[in-house]
Amino acid sequence: MVAKHIKQRITLTERFSLIHKMFMRTMFYGYIVIGAYGIYSESIFLGVFYSGFVIFGLFPLLLYCVCANCPYPYKCSDCLLLPFWLIKKLYKFRGLSMSITDKVGIIVTFAGLILIPQYWLLKNYTLLILFWIFCLPVLIIIPFYFCKRCQHFSCPFNLAKRE
């Protein structure tokens, strides 16, 4: 018997449920806080550096490079990781296309949030395990669930097919 391939149509996400937002925000900010704590427990100076990276990476880079180009806060009054009104208050909608600088900025930010604390977390296995308990769901759910359904087609992580 020949198996028939059924094309599954993945519907684009128009809004995020409260459960999705609560879970993703808890996991996302949880691994950042655990990473910062792990660095602070070894070196206050380096902890301040990481905190600066987080603040600079999240607000100017994340908000300006991705969120100001994303249709969700402006057209749907919704956002997965931040309150949509904060994005709308800080930045005007820049349009749906992202420059190469925007794309590189967001990739560097997300990589830094995960990679920078690893050296210090390896010294404390409890924190390392907690960090990855919070981080892995974000690394799995965002690309394999949300990015496949996202309407932000110029985002470097978007995996949705345009129809």
Protein backbone atom coordinates (compact mmCIF):
# COMPACT_ATOMS: atom_id res chain seq x y z
CA MET A 1 0.00 0.00 0.00
CA VAL A 2 1.36 3.40 -0.96
CA ALA A 3 1.24 5.97 1.78
CA LYS A 4 -0.41 9.19 0.74
CA HIS A 5 1.32 12.40 1.74
CA ILE A 6 -1.15 14.76 3.23
CA LYS A 7 -0.15 18.39 3.08
CA GLN A 8 -0.77 19.94 6.44
CA ARG A 9 -1.55 23.61 6.41
CA ILE A 10 -0.12 25.37 9.42
CA THR A 11 -2.26 28.33 10.32
CA LEU A 12 -0.47 31.55 11.12
CA THR A 13 -0.77 32.77 14.68
CA GLU A 14 -2.76 35.96 15.01
CA ARG A 15 -2.67 36.22 18.80
CA PHE A 16 -0.87 34.45 21.62
CA SER A 17 -2.86 32.89 24.44
CA LEU A 18 -2.29 34.01 28.01
CA ILE A 19 -0.83 30.57 28.80
CA HIS A 20 1.68 30.91 25.93
CA LYS A 21 2.74 34.38 27.07
CA MET A 22 3.06 33.42 30.74
CA PHE A 23 5.02 30.26 29.98
CA MET A 24 7.40 31.83 27.44
CA ARG A 25 8.04 34.93 29.56
CA THR A 26 8.72 32.81 32.64
CA MET A 27 11.13 30.56 30.78
CA PHE A 28 12.84 33.40 28.85
CA TYR A 29 13.37 35.73 31.80
CA GLY A 30 14.02 32.75 34.11
CA TYR A 31 17.13 31.62 32.25
CA ILE A 32 18.37 35.20 32.03
CA VAL A 33 18.01 35.70 35.80
CA ILE A 34 19.64 32.34 36.56
CA GLY A 35 22.52 33.16 34.21
CA ALA A 36 22.98 36.57 35.84
CA TYR A 37 22.89 35.03 39.32
CA GLY A 38 25.50 32.46 38.31
CA ILE A 39 27.83 35.19 37.09
CA TYR A 40 27.19 37.47 40.08
CA SER A 41 27.97 34.62 42.48
CA GLU A 42 31.48 34.42 40.97
CA SER A 43 32.20 38.05 40.11
CA ILE A 44 30.14 41.17 40.79
CA PHE A 45 32.00 43.10 38.08
CA LEU A 46 31.26 40.49 35.42
CA GLY A 47 27.70 40.20 36.71
CA VAL A 48 27.25 43.92 36.12
CA PHE A 49 28.72 43.46 32.62
CA TYR A 50 26.23 40.67 31.84
CA SER A 51 23.36 42.71 33.28
CA GLY A 52 24.41 45.58 31.01
CA PHE A 53 24.47 43.20 28.04
CA VAL A 54 20.99 41.96 28.96
CA ILE A 55 19.59 45.48 29.33
CA PHE A 56 21.25 46.74 26.14
CA GLY A 57 20.46 43.54 24.28
CA LEU A 58 16.81 43.42 25.24
CA PHE A 59 15.81 47.03 24.99
CA PRO A 60 17.68 48.74 22.18
CA LEU A 61 18.49 45.62 20.17
CA LEU A 62 15.47 43.37 20.68
CA LEU A 63 12.90 46.15 20.73
CA TYR A 64 14.40 48.23 17.94
CA CYS A 65 15.73 45.49 15.66
CA VAL A 66 12.87 43.00 15.88
CA CYS A 67 9.89 44.26 17.82
CA ALA A 68 9.64 47.62 16.01
CA ASN A 69 9.39 45.64 12.74
CA CYS A 70 7.01 42.99 14.05
CA PRO A 71 3.30 43.18 13.16
CA TYR A 72 2.11 41.66 16.45
CA PRO A 73 2.43 44.65 18.83
CA TYR A 74 1.13 47.16 16.30
CA LYS A 75 -1.52 45.28 14.32
CA CYS A 76 -2.65 42.61 16.79
CA SER A 77 -1.94 44.35 20.14
CA ASP A 78 -0.04 41.28 21.28
CA CYS A 79 3.50 40.06 21.95
CA LEU A 80 4.95 36.78 23.17
CA LEU A 81 7.87 38.07 25.28
CA LEU A 82 6.99 41.65 26.29
CA PRO A 83 3.88 43.71 26.98
CA PHE A 84 2.82 45.07 23.57
CA TRP A 85 2.08 48.54 24.97
CA LEU A 86 5.71 48.90 26.08
CA ILE A 87 6.93 48.32 22.53
CA LYS A 88 4.36 50.72 21.08
CA LYS A 89 5.27 53.36 23.65
CA LEU A 90 9.03 53.16 23.05
CA TYR A 91 9.20 52.69 19.26
CA LYS A 92 7.16 53.58 16.24
CA PHE A 93 6.39 50.81 13.76
CA ARG A 94 9.36 50.59 11.35
CA GLY A 95 7.69 48.42 8.74
CA LEU A 96 7.76 44.73 8.06
CA SER A 97 11.23 44.46 6.53
CA MET A 98 14.38 44.08 8.61
CA SER A 99 17.85 45.16 7.57
CA ILE A 100 20.82 42.81 7.74
CA THR A 101 22.04 44.82 10.76
CA ASP A 102 18.74 44.16 12.53
CA LYS A 103 18.97 40.44 11.80
CA VAL A 104 22.59 40.15 12.95
CA GLY A 105 21.81 42.21 16.07
CA ILE A 106 19.05 39.90 17.20
CA ILE A 107 21.04 36.73 16.53
CA VAL A 108 24.01 38.09 18.51
CA THR A 109 21.70 39.13 21.36
CA PHE A 110 20.01 35.74 21.70
CA ALA A 111 23.32 33.90 21.37
CA GLY A 112 24.92 36.13 24.01
CA LEU A 113 22.07 35.68 26.47
CA ILE A 114 22.63 31.93 26.33
CA LEU A 115 26.38 31.58 25.78
CA ILE A 116 27.87 34.25 28.08
CA PRO A 117 26.78 32.67 31.41
CA GLN A 118 27.89 29.13 30.49
CA TYR A 119 31.45 29.50 31.83
CA TRP A 120 30.23 30.51 35.30
CA LEU A 121 27.32 28.08 35.33
CA LEU A 122 29.70 25.17 34.73
CA LYS A 123 31.09 25.89 38.21
CA ASN A 124 27.67 25.32 39.79
CA TYR A 125 25.84 22.33 38.34
CA THR A 126 22.59 23.14 40.14
CA LEU A 127 22.42 26.54 38.44
CA LEU A 128 23.52 25.02 35.14
CA ILE A 129 20.71 22.46 35.24
CA LEU A 130 18.16 25.12 36.26
CA PHE A 131 19.38 27.40 33.46
CA TRP A 132 18.86 24.68 30.86
CA ILE A 133 15.49 23.67 32.33
CA PHE A 134 14.35 27.23 31.61
CA CYS A 135 16.29 27.69 28.36
CA LEU A 136 15.52 24.46 26.50
CA PRO A 137 11.75 25.02 26.24
CA VAL A 138 12.45 28.45 24.72
CA LEU A 139 14.96 27.00 22.26
CA ILE A 140 12.56 24.23 21.26
CA ILE A 141 9.12 25.86 21.37
CA ILE A 142 9.96 29.14 19.68
CA PRO A 143 11.44 27.74 16.46
CA PHE A 144 9.39 24.57 16.19
CA TYR A 145 6.03 26.01 17.24
CA PHE A 146 5.88 29.80 17.08
CA CYS A 147 8.32 30.49 14.22
CA LYS A 148 6.42 28.07 11.99
CA ARG A 149 3.24 30.11 12.53
CA CYS A 150 4.63 33.64 12.74
CA GLN A 151 3.45 36.55 10.61
CA HIS A 152 6.77 38.41 10.93
CA PHE A 153 8.16 37.09 7.64
CA SER A 154 11.40 39.12 7.60
CA CYS A 155 12.55 37.84 11.02
CA PRO A 156 15.65 35.63 10.68
CA PHE A 157 13.98 32.93 12.78
CA ASN A 158 10.69 32.84 10.84
CA LEU A 159 9.90 29.42 9.38
CA ALA A 160 6.35 30.12 8.19
CA LYS A 161 5.59 29.65 4.54
CA ARG A 162 3.87 32.51 2.76
CA GLU A 163 0.81 31.48 0.84
